[in-house]
C-alpha atoms as a PDB file:
ATOM      1  CA  MET A   1       0.043   0.057   0.060  1.00  0.00           C
ATOM      2  CA  SER A   2       2.934   2.543  -1.020  1.00  0.00           C
ATOM      3  CA  ALA A   3       2.212   6.093  -1.860  1.00  0.00           C
ATOM      4  CA  GLN A   4       3.478   5.503  -5.146  1.00  0.00           C
ATOM      5  CA  ALA A   5       1.082   2.858  -6.141  1.00  0.00           C
ATOM      6  CA  ILE A   6      -1.992   5.170  -5.078  1.00  0.00           C
ATOM      7  CA  THR A   7      -4.519   5.681  -7.980  1.00  0.00           C
ATOM      8  CA  ARG A   8      -6.239   9.003  -7.855  1.00  0.00           C
ATOM      9  CA  LEU A   9      -9.856   9.460  -8.703  1.00  0.00           C
ATOM     10  CA  PRO A  10     -11.052  12.081 -11.215  1.00  0.00           C
ATOM     11  CA  MET A  11     -10.841  15.797  -9.516  1.00  0.00           C
ATOM     12  CA  ASP A  12     -13.526  17.392 -11.720  1.00  0.00           C
ATOM     13  CA  SER A  13     -15.787  19.200  -9.584  1.00  0.00           C
ATOM     14  CA  SER A  14     -18.897  17.599 -10.926  1.00  0.00           C
ATOM     15  CA  ARG A  15     -17.810  14.100 -10.142  1.00  0.00           C
ATOM     16  CA  ALA A  16     -20.299  12.188  -7.990  1.00  0.00           C
ATOM     17  CA  LEU A  17     -18.755   9.945  -5.335  1.00  0.00           C
ATOM     18  CA  MET A  18     -19.789   6.726  -3.891  1.00  0.00           C
ATOM     19  CA  PHE A  19     -18.063   4.550  -1.198  1.00  0.00           C
ATOM     20  CA  THR A  20     -19.112   0.958  -0.482  1.00  0.00           C
ATOM     21  CA  ASP A  21     -18.109  -1.831   1.899  1.00  0.00           C
ATOM     22  CA  ALA A  22     -16.849  -5.292   0.692  1.00  0.00           C
ATOM     23  CA  ARG A  23     -20.441  -6.333   0.233  1.00  0.00           C
ATOM     24  CA  GLY A  24     -21.428  -3.561  -2.168  1.00  0.00           C
ATOM     25  CA  HIS A  25     -23.383  -1.639   0.337  1.00  0.00           C
ATOM     26  CA  VAL A  26     -23.126   1.862   0.330  1.00  0.00           C
ATOM     27  CA  VAL A  27     -21.298   3.579   3.178  1.00  0.00           C
ATOM     28  CA  PHE A  28     -21.054   7.129   1.642  1.00  0.00           C
ATOM     29  CA  VAL A  29     -22.315   9.250  -1.207  1.00  0.00           C
ATOM     30  CA  ASP A  30     -21.511  13.289  -1.601  1.00  0.00           C
ATOM     31  CA  ASN A  31     -24.027  15.633  -2.661  1.00  0.00           C
ATOM     32  CA  ASN A  32     -23.234  15.342  -6.409  1.00  0.00           C
ATOM     33  CA  PHE A  33     -24.140  11.865  -6.206  1.00  0.00           C
ATOM     34  CA  ILE A  34     -27.515  12.781  -5.002  1.00  0.00           C
ATOM     35  CA  LYS A  35     -28.069  15.425  -7.429  1.00  0.00           C
ATOM     36  CA  LEU A  36     -26.910  13.073 -10.346  1.00  0.00           C
ATOM     37  CA  THR A  37     -29.158  10.381  -9.390  1.00  0.00           C
ATOM     38  CA  GLY A  38     -32.294  12.855  -8.788  1.00  0.00           C
ATOM     39  CA  ARG A  39     -32.661  12.052  -4.955  1.00  0.00           C
ATOM     40  CA  ALA A  40     -34.018  14.544  -2.622  1.00  0.00           C
ATOM     41  CA  ALA A  41     -31.319  16.532  -0.296  1.00  0.00           C
ATOM     42  CA  GLY A  42     -30.855  14.581   2.661  1.00  0.00           C
ATOM     43  CA  SER A  43     -31.878  11.358   1.370  1.00  0.00           C
ATOM     44  CA  SER A  44     -30.817   8.244   3.543  1.00  0.00           C
ATOM     45  CA  VAL A  45     -28.805   6.098   1.486  1.00  0.00           C
ATOM     46  CA  VAL A  46     -26.338   4.523   3.753  1.00  0.00           C
ATOM     47  CA  GLY A  47     -26.550   0.682   3.822  1.00  0.00           C
ATOM     48  CA  VAL A  48     -28.301   0.367   0.549  1.00  0.00           C
ATOM     49  CA  PRO A  49     -27.057  -1.880  -1.603  1.00  0.00           C
ATOM     50  CA  MET A  50     -25.065  -0.152  -4.524  1.00  0.00           C
ATOM     51  CA  HIS A  51     -27.082  -1.642  -7.435  1.00  0.00           C
ATOM     52  CA  VAL A  52     -30.281   0.086  -6.041  1.00  0.00           C
ATOM     53  CA  LEU A  53     -28.698   3.362  -5.996  1.00  0.00           C
ATOM     54  CA  LEU A  54     -27.048   2.930  -9.337  1.00  0.00           C
ATOM     55  CA  GLY A  55     -30.553   1.433 -10.835  1.00  0.00           C
ATOM     56  CA  ILE A  56     -28.612  -1.556 -12.341  1.00  0.00           C
ATOM     57  CA  GLU A  57     -29.176  -5.113 -11.994  1.00  0.00           C
ATOM     58  CA  ALA A  58     -27.575  -6.834  -8.805  1.00  0.00           C
ATOM     59  CA  GLU A  59     -25.418  -8.934 -10.996  1.00  0.00           C
ATOM     60  CA  ALA A  60     -24.149  -6.142 -13.060  1.00  0.00           C
ATOM     61  CA  ALA A  61     -23.226  -4.481  -9.447  1.00  0.00           C
ATOM     62  CA  LEU A  62     -21.438  -7.551  -8.436  1.00  0.00           C
ATOM     63  CA  THR A  63     -19.680  -7.799 -11.393  1.00  0.00           C
ATOM     64  CA  LEU A  64     -18.551  -4.172 -11.210  1.00  0.00           C
ATOM     65  CA  LEU A  65     -17.297  -4.772  -7.620  1.00  0.00           C
ATOM     66  CA  ARG A  66     -15.712  -8.058  -8.385  1.00  0.00           C
ATOM     67  CA  GLU A  67     -13.541  -6.320 -11.371  1.00  0.00           C
ATOM     68  CA  ILE A  68     -12.490  -3.501  -8.880  1.00  0.00           C
ATOM     69  CA  SER A  69     -11.694  -6.014  -6.087  1.00  0.00           C
ATOM     70  CA  GLN A  70      -9.658  -8.331  -8.268  1.00  0.00           C
ATOM     71  CA  THR A  71      -7.682  -5.521 -10.455  1.00  0.00           C
ATOM     72  CA  GLY A  72      -7.459  -2.912  -7.871  1.00  0.00           C
ATOM     73  CA  GLN A  73      -8.977  -0.052  -9.932  1.00  0.00           C
ATOM     74  CA  LEU A  74     -11.325   0.616 -12.793  1.00  0.00           C
ATOM     75  CA  ALA A  75     -10.800   3.396 -15.400  1.00  0.00           C
ATOM     76  CA  GLN A  76     -13.744   5.294 -17.029  1.00  0.00           C
ATOM     77  CA  LYS A  77     -15.775   2.225 -17.621  1.00  0.00           C
ATOM     78  CA  PRO A  78     -18.946   3.379 -19.294  1.00  0.00           C
ATOM     79  CA  ILE A  79     -22.057   2.205 -17.630  1.00  0.00           C
ATOM     80  CA  GLU A  80     -25.896   3.057 -17.855  1.00  0.00           C
ATOM     81  CA  LEU A  81     -27.793   4.064 -14.734  1.00  0.00           C
ATOM     82  CA  ARG A  82     -31.324   4.790 -13.903  1.00  0.00           C
ATOM     83  CA  ASP A  83     -31.917   7.804 -11.672  1.00  0.00           C
ATOM     84  CA  ALA A  84     -34.600   8.108  -9.001  1.00  0.00           C
ATOM     85  CA  SER A  85     -37.447   8.798 -11.802  1.00  0.00           C
ATOM     86  CA  GLY A  86     -36.321   5.959 -13.854  1.00  0.00           C
ATOM     87  CA  ALA A  87     -34.498   7.976 -16.512  1.00  0.00           C
ATOM     88  CA  THR A  88     -31.434   6.492 -18.196  1.00  0.00           C
ATOM     89  CA  LEU A  89     -28.080   8.149 -17.424  1.00  0.00           C
ATOM     90  CA  ARG A  90     -24.817   7.401 -19.290  1.00  0.00           C
ATOM     91  CA  VAL A  91     -21.854   7.837 -17.106  1.00  0.00           C
ATOM     92  CA  GLU A  92     -18.131   6.748 -16.833  1.00  0.00           C
ATOM     93  CA  CYS A  93     -17.335   4.947 -13.835  1.00  0.00           C
ATOM     94  CA  THR A  94     -13.760   5.041 -12.099  1.00  0.00           C
ATOM     95  CA  GLY A  95     -13.096   2.957  -9.260  1.00  0.00           C
ATOM     96  CA  VAL A  96     -10.376   2.224  -6.813  1.00  0.00           C
ATOM     97  CA  ALA A  97     -10.289  -0.744  -4.316  1.00  0.00           C
ATOM     98  CA  THR A  98      -9.462  -0.427  -0.544  1.00  0.00           C
ATOM     99  CA  TYR A  99      -7.647  -3.162   1.046  1.00  0.00           C
ATOM    100  CA  ASP A 100      -6.581  -4.136   4.583  1.00  0.00           C
ATOM    101  CA  GLU A 101      -3.246  -5.374   5.953  1.00  0.00           C
ATOM    102  CA  ARG A 102      -3.939  -8.859   4.588  1.00  0.00           C
ATOM    103  CA  LYS A 103      -4.903  -7.489   1.060  1.00  0.00           C
ATOM    104  CA  SER A 104      -8.439  -8.405   1.709  1.00  0.00           C
ATOM    105  CA  PHE A 105     -10.812  -6.262  -0.206  1.00  0.00           C
ATOM    106  CA  ILE A 106     -12.987  -4.045   2.086  1.00  0.00           C
ATOM    107  CA  GLY A 107     -14.614  -1.621  -0.250  1.00  0.00           C
ATOM    108  CA  ALA A 108     -14.552   0.564  -3.261  1.00  0.00           C
ATOM    109  CA  ASP A 109     -14.341   4.238  -3.904  1.00  0.00           C
ATOM    110  CA  LEU A 110     -16.296   5.069  -7.009  1.00  0.00           C
ATOM    111  CA  ALA A 111     -16.340   8.322  -8.991  1.00  0.00           C
ATOM    112  CA  LEU A 112     -19.073   8.851 -11.678  1.00  0.00           C
ATOM    113  CA  MET A 113     -18.916  11.418 -14.508  1.00  0.00           C
ATOM    114  CA  ARG A 114     -21.511  11.940 -17.150  1.00  0.00           C
ATOM    115  CA  SER A 115     -20.589  10.775 -20.331  1.00  0.00           C
ATOM    116  CA  ALA A 116     -19.363  13.455 -22.898  1.00  0.00           C
ATOM    117  CA  ALA A 117     -22.341  12.783 -25.061  1.00  0.00           C
ATOM    118  CA  GLY A 118     -24.926  13.542 -21.943  1.00  0.00           C
ATOM    119  CA  PRO A 119     -26.121  16.732 -20.982  1.00  0.00           C
ATOM    120  CA  ALA A 120     -23.818  19.022 -18.597  1.00  0.00           C
ATOM    121  CA  GLN A 121     -24.106  17.835 -14.831  1.00  0.00           C
ATOM    122  CA  GLU A 122     -24.527  20.914 -12.570  1.00  0.00           C
ATOM    123  CA  VAL A 123     -22.533  21.135  -9.691  1.00  0.00           C
ATOM    124  CA  ALA A 124     -24.302  20.216  -6.547  1.00  0.00           C
ATOM    125  CA  GLU A 125     -24.960  23.340  -4.292  1.00  0.00           C
ATOM    126  CA  PRO A 126     -23.256  23.484  -0.916  1.00  0.00           C
ATOM    127  CA  GLU A 127     -24.895  21.752   1.944  1.00  0.00           C
ATOM    128  CA  PRO A 128     -27.150  24.057   4.017  1.00  0.00           C
ATOM    129  CA  LEU A 129     -24.774  23.291   6.609  1.00  0.00           C
ATOM    130  CA  ALA A 130     -21.956  24.458   4.718  1.00  0.00           C
ATOM    131  CA  GLU A 131     -23.805  27.663   3.903  1.00  0.00           C
ATOM    132  CA  ILE A 132     -24.259  28.394   7.655  1.00  0.00           C
ATOM    133  CA  ILE A 133     -20.520  28.330   8.271  1.00  0.00           C
ATOM    134  CA  GLU A 134     -19.528  30.693   5.525  1.00  0.00           C
ATOM    135  CA  ASP A 135     -19.900  33.608   7.878  1.00  0.00           C
ATOM    136  CA  ALA A 136     -16.661  34.089   9.787  1.00  0.00           C
ATOM    137  CA  LEU A 137     -18.608  34.285  13.223  1.00  0.00           C
ATOM    138  CA  ASP A 138     -19.390  30.538  12.468  1.00  0.00           C
ATOM    139  CA  LEU A 139     -15.603  29.452  13.004  1.00  0.00           C
ATOM    140  CA  GLU A 140     -16.581  27.729  16.404  1.00  0.00           C
ATOM    141  CA  TYR A 141     -18.896  25.437  14.186  1.00  0.00           C
ATOM    142  CA  ALA A 142     -15.901  24.438  11.884  1.00  0.00           C
ATOM    143  CA  ALA A 143     -13.707  24.111  15.381  1.00  0.00           C
ATOM    144  CA  ARG A 144     -16.398  21.703  16.754  1.00  0.00           C
ATOM    145  CA  LEU A 145     -16.773  19.670  13.487  1.00  0.00           C
ATOM    146  CA  LYS A 146     -13.011  19.109  13.132  1.00  0.00           C
ATOM    147  CA  ALA A 147     -12.942  18.134  17.028  1.00  0.00           C
ATOM    148  CA  TYR A 148     -15.769  15.551  16.561  1.00  0.00           C
ATOM    149  CA  PHE A 149     -13.980  14.143  13.560  1.00  0.00           C
ATOM    150  CA  LEU A 150     -10.599  13.879  15.233  1.00  0.00           C
ATOM    151  CA  ALA A 151     -12.056  12.427  18.503  1.00  0.00           C
ATOM    152  CA  HIS A 152     -13.770   9.398  16.736  1.00  0.00           C
ATOM    153  CA  ILE A 153     -10.693   8.821  14.273  1.00  0.00           C
ATOM    154  CA  ARG A 154      -8.541   8.575  17.221  1.00  0.00           C
ATOM    155  CA  ALA A 155     -10.881   6.313  19.193  1.00  0.00           C
ATOM    156  CA  GLN A 156     -11.321   3.866  16.476  1.00  0.00           C
ATOM    157  CA  ARG A 157      -7.693   3.634  15.693  1.00  0.00           C
ATOM    158  CA  GLU A 158      -7.121   2.730  19.353  1.00  0.00           C
ATOM    159  CA  LEU A 159      -9.785   0.466  19.473  1.00  0.00           C
ATOM    160  CA  VAL A 160      -8.835  -1.829  16.502  1.00  0.00           C
ATOM    161  CA  ALA A 161      -5.304  -1.785  17.940  1.00  0.00           C
ATOM    162  CA  HIS A 162      -6.479  -2.875  21.475  1.00  0.00           C
ATOM    163  CA  ILE A 163      -8.777  -5.596  20.196  1.00  0.00           C
ATOM    164  CA  GLY A 164      -6.669  -6.922  17.252  1.00  0.00           C
ATOM    165  CA  GLY A 165      -3.212  -5.606  17.367  1.00  0.00           C
ATOM    166  CA  ASP A 166      -1.329  -2.566  16.308  1.00  0.00           C
ATOM    167  CA  HIS A 167      -1.091  -4.092  12.691  1.00  0.00           C
ATOM    168  CA  LEU A 168      -4.706  -3.060  12.429  1.00  0.00           C
ATOM    169  CA  ARG A 169      -3.864   0.719  13.456  1.00  0.00           C
ATOM    170  CA  ARG A 170      -0.986   0.742  11.005  1.00  0.00           C
ATOM    171  CA  SER A 171      -3.542  -0.692   8.374  1.00  0.00           C
ATOM    172  CA  LEU A 172      -6.155   1.850   9.362  1.00  0.00           C
ATOM    173  CA  ASN A 173      -3.543   4.765   8.930  1.00  0.00           C
ATOM    174  CA  SER A 174      -2.698   3.462   5.521  1.00  0.00           C
ATOM    175  CA  ILE A 175      -6.398   3.437   4.339  1.00  0.00           C
ATOM    176  CA  ILE A 176      -7.033   6.941   5.707  1.00  0.00           C
ATOM    177  CA  ASN A 177      -3.928   8.298   4.043  1.00  0.00           C
ATOM    178  CA  GLU A 178      -4.658   6.383   0.763  1.00  0.00           C
ATOM    179  CA  THR A 179      -8.334   7.386   0.662  1.00  0.00           C
ATOM    180  CA  ALA A 180      -7.245  11.026   1.427  1.00  0.00           C
ATOM    181  CA  SER A 181      -4.678  11.068  -1.393  1.00  0.00           C
ATOM    182  CA  ARG A 182      -6.812   9.493  -4.269  1.00  0.00           C
ATOM    183  CA  ASN A 183      -9.653  12.158  -3.374  1.00  0.00           C
ATOM    184  CA  GLU A 184      -6.972  15.003  -2.698  1.00  0.00           C
ATOM    185  CA  TRP A 185      -8.559  15.534   0.879  1.00  0.00           C
ATOM    186  CA  PRO A 186      -6.539  17.461   3.207  1.00  0.00           C
ATOM    187  CA  ILE A 187      -5.892  14.668   5.779  1.00  0.00           C
ATOM    188  CA  LEU A 188      -2.624  12.944   6.695  1.00  0.00           C
ATOM    189  CA  ILE A 189      -1.451  10.526   9.502  1.00  0.00           C
ATOM    190  CA  GLU A 190       2.244  10.336  10.223  1.00  0.00           C
ATOM    191  CA  GLY A 191       2.830   7.986  12.970  1.00  0.00           C
ATOM    192  CA  GLU A 192       0.887   9.393  15.981  1.00  0.00           C
ATOM    193  CA  VAL A 193       0.417  12.974  14.378  1.00  0.00           C
ATOM    194  CA  PHE A 194      -2.742  13.861  12.534  1.00  0.00           C
ATOM    195  CA  PHE A 195      -2.683  16.746  10.001  1.00  0.00           C
ATOM    196  CA  VAL A 196      -6.237  18.033   9.067  1.00  0.00           C
ATOM    197  CA  GLU A 197      -6.799  21.085   7.068  1.00  0.00           C
ATOM    198  CA  VAL A 198     -10.449  20.781   6.791  1.00  0.00           C
ATOM    199  CA  ASN A 199     -12.601  23.878   6.635  1.00  0.00           C
ATOM    200  CA  HIS A 200     -16.471  24.499   6.131  1.00  0.00           C
ATOM    201  CA  GLN A 201     -15.938  23.704   2.248  1.00  0.00           C
ATOM    202  CA  HIS A 202     -14.909  20.348   3.112  1.00  0.00           C
ATOM    203  CA  ILE A 203     -17.894  19.018   5.344  1.00  0.00           C
ATOM    204  CA  GLU A 204     -18.196  15.937   2.978  1.00  0.00           C
ATOM    205  CA  THR A 205     -14.624  15.119   3.591  1.00  0.00           C
ATOM    206  CA  TYR A 206     -15.455  14.481   7.257  1.00  0.00           C
ATOM    207  CA  ARG A 207     -18.358  12.310   6.492  1.00  0.00           C
ATOM    208  CA  GLY A 208     -16.494  10.159   3.842  1.00  0.00           C
ATOM    209  CA  MET A 209     -13.448   9.639   5.867  1.00  0.00           C
ATOM    210  CA  LEU A 210     -15.273   8.939   9.057  1.00  0.00           C
ATOM    211  CA  ALA A 211     -17.584   6.339   7.140  1.00  0.00           C
ATOM    212  CA  ARG A 212     -14.652   4.527   5.781  1.00  0.00           C
ATOM    213  CA  VAL A 213     -12.741   4.389   9.046  1.00  0.00           C
ATOM    214  CA  ILE A 214     -16.078   2.989  10.611  1.00  0.00           C
ATOM    215  CA  SER A 215     -16.670   0.590   7.836  1.00  0.00           C
ATOM    216  CA  TYR A 216     -13.179  -0.822   8.208  1.00  0.00           C
ATOM    217  CA  ALA A 217     -13.469  -1.250  12.204  1.00  0.00           C
ATOM    218  CA  VAL A 218     -16.745  -2.924  11.751  1.00  0.00           C
ATOM    219  CA  ASN A 219     -15.116  -5.301   9.343  1.00  0.00           C
ATOM    220  CA  VAL A 220     -12.474  -6.236  11.564  1.00  0.00           C
ATOM    221  CA  ILE A 221     -13.671  -6.154  15.102  1.00  0.00           C
ATOM    222  CA  GLY A 222     -17.446  -6.129  14.801  1.00  0.00           C
ATOM    223  CA  VAL A 223     -20.281  -3.765  14.845  1.00  0.00           C
ATOM    224  CA  ASN A 224     -21.029  -3.792  18.523  1.00  0.00           C
ATOM    225  CA  LEU A 225     -17.690  -2.947  19.793  1.00  0.00           C
ATOM    226  CA  VAL A 226     -17.486  -0.058  17.225  1.00  0.00           C
ATOM    227  CA  ASP A 227     -20.906   1.149  17.972  1.00  0.00           C
ATOM    228  CA  ARG A 228     -20.113   1.141  21.678  1.00  0.00           C
ATOM    229  CA  GLU A 229     -16.935   2.825  21.329  1.00  0.00           C
ATOM    230  CA  TYR A 230     -18.688   5.670  18.988  1.00  0.00           C
ATOM    231  CA  ARG A 231     -21.408   6.145  21.712  1.00  0.00           C
ATOM    232  CA  LYS A 232     -18.686   6.378  24.473  1.00  0.00           C
ATOM    233  CA  VAL A 233     -16.842   9.336  22.681  1.00  0.00           C
ATOM    234  CA  ASN A 234     -20.083  11.069  22.204  1.00  0.00           C
ATOM    235  CA  GLN A 235     -20.749  11.027  26.005  1.00  0.00           C
ATOM    236  CA  GLN A 236     -17.341  12.266  26.573  1.00  0.00           C
ATOM    237  CA  LEU A 237     -17.533  15.448  24.192  1.00  0.00           C
ATOM    238  CA  ASP A 238     -19.350  18.527  25.044  1.00  0.00           C
ATOM    239  CA  ALA A 239     -22.985  18.722  23.943  1.00  0.00           C
ATOM    240  CA  GLY A 240     -22.263  21.514  21.392  1.00  0.00           C
ATOM    241  CA  THR A 241     -19.545  19.247  19.740  1.00  0.00           C
ATOM    242  CA  VAL A 242     -21.922  16.152  19.591  1.00  0.00           C
ATOM    243  CA  GLU A 243     -24.740  18.225  18.150  1.00  0.00           C
ATOM    244  CA  THR A 244     -22.537  19.597  15.388  1.00  0.00           C
ATOM    245  CA  GLY A 245     -21.064  16.298  14.649  1.00  0.00           C
ATOM    246  CA  GLN A 246     -24.480  14.582  14.152  1.00  0.00           C
ATOM    247  CA  SER A 247     -24.919  16.530  10.973  1.00  0.00           C
ATOM    248  CA  LEU A 248     -22.670  14.042   9.465  1.00  0.00           C
ATOM    249  CA  ASP A 249     -25.408  11.368   9.963  1.00  0.00           C
ATOM    250  CA  LEU A 250     -23.243   8.364  10.617  1.00  0.00           C
ATOM    251  CA  SER A 251     -25.655   6.192  12.649  1.00  0.00           C
ATOM    252  CA  ALA A 252     -27.095   4.396   9.636  1.00  0.00           C
ATOM    253  CA  LEU A 253     -23.666   2.654   9.336  1.00  0.00           C
ATOM    254  CA  PHE A 254     -24.268   0.790  12.529  1.00  0.00           C
ATOM    255  CA  VAL A 255     -27.910  -0.114  11.796  1.00  0.00           C
ATOM    256  CA  ASP A 256     -26.742  -1.398   8.303  1.00  0.00           C
ATOM    257  CA  GLN A 257     -24.406  -4.100  10.020  1.00  0.00           C
ATOM    258  CA  LYS A 258     -26.781  -5.319  12.677  1.00  0.00           C
END
C-alpha cells in the first residue's frame, strides 16, 4: 500500500462519489451523487446495496465490484444507470479498491462522471450546513466539527489496535492516507500525528473519511464494539460538539451491520 501505488480519482468538480463496503453496500455518497441520481437532499442511502442506488441489475453491480476488487482499479468504464425517476443516465465510472493489511478487499471508492455525449451535470450546491458556516462568525462550528472528527478517528484507531493488535492501527493509517490522497482530501497521518486542514468547504470530507474508518473497524472487530466506542466518545464530548457532529449522520452505518 505504498504512496507510489495510489490511484487518484477524477478531480472534476462535477464528479459524483460513492463509497461501498466489501458487500457492495453504500457507506457514503456526496451531494453530487444525490444530485446526479435525482434524489432529494438529505436522502438516507447508507446501507443501501449499490445496485439499488445505481439503478442497475444486482449481477451487474456484483461484476463491477468484483472487477475492482480483483484488479485494484477501474478506469472510466461506461455504464448506464437509472436515476430516481427511472430515466437513463450514461456515465463513466472510475473505481479504486481499498484493501486491509492482509490484502483483503474491504470496499471501493467510485467516481461517476456523465459521459461526454450526455447533458452537462450541474455542480451540487453547498450543503445547508456549509452555508451556515460561510460567515466568519461561525468558525466555532468548524472547530467543533473538526474536534468531533478527530475524537472519533483517534478512538477507532485505538480500539482496533487494542482488540486486534497494532498492525490493525497501521492498516487503518494506510487506508486513511490512501483515501485522502486519491480524493485530494487535506488529511494525513504520520505516526501518531494528525494533519487536518479541513474547513467549512470540506464537510463531506469528514463524512466520507469517518464512514470509511467506521466501515473498516466494523469489518475487523464487529459492529457492537465499534458502536459502543462511538457512543462512548459522544458521551465524553461536550454537547455542542456532539450536536454539530451529528450533522454527519453516521448512525445508519451501525444499523446496516446489525
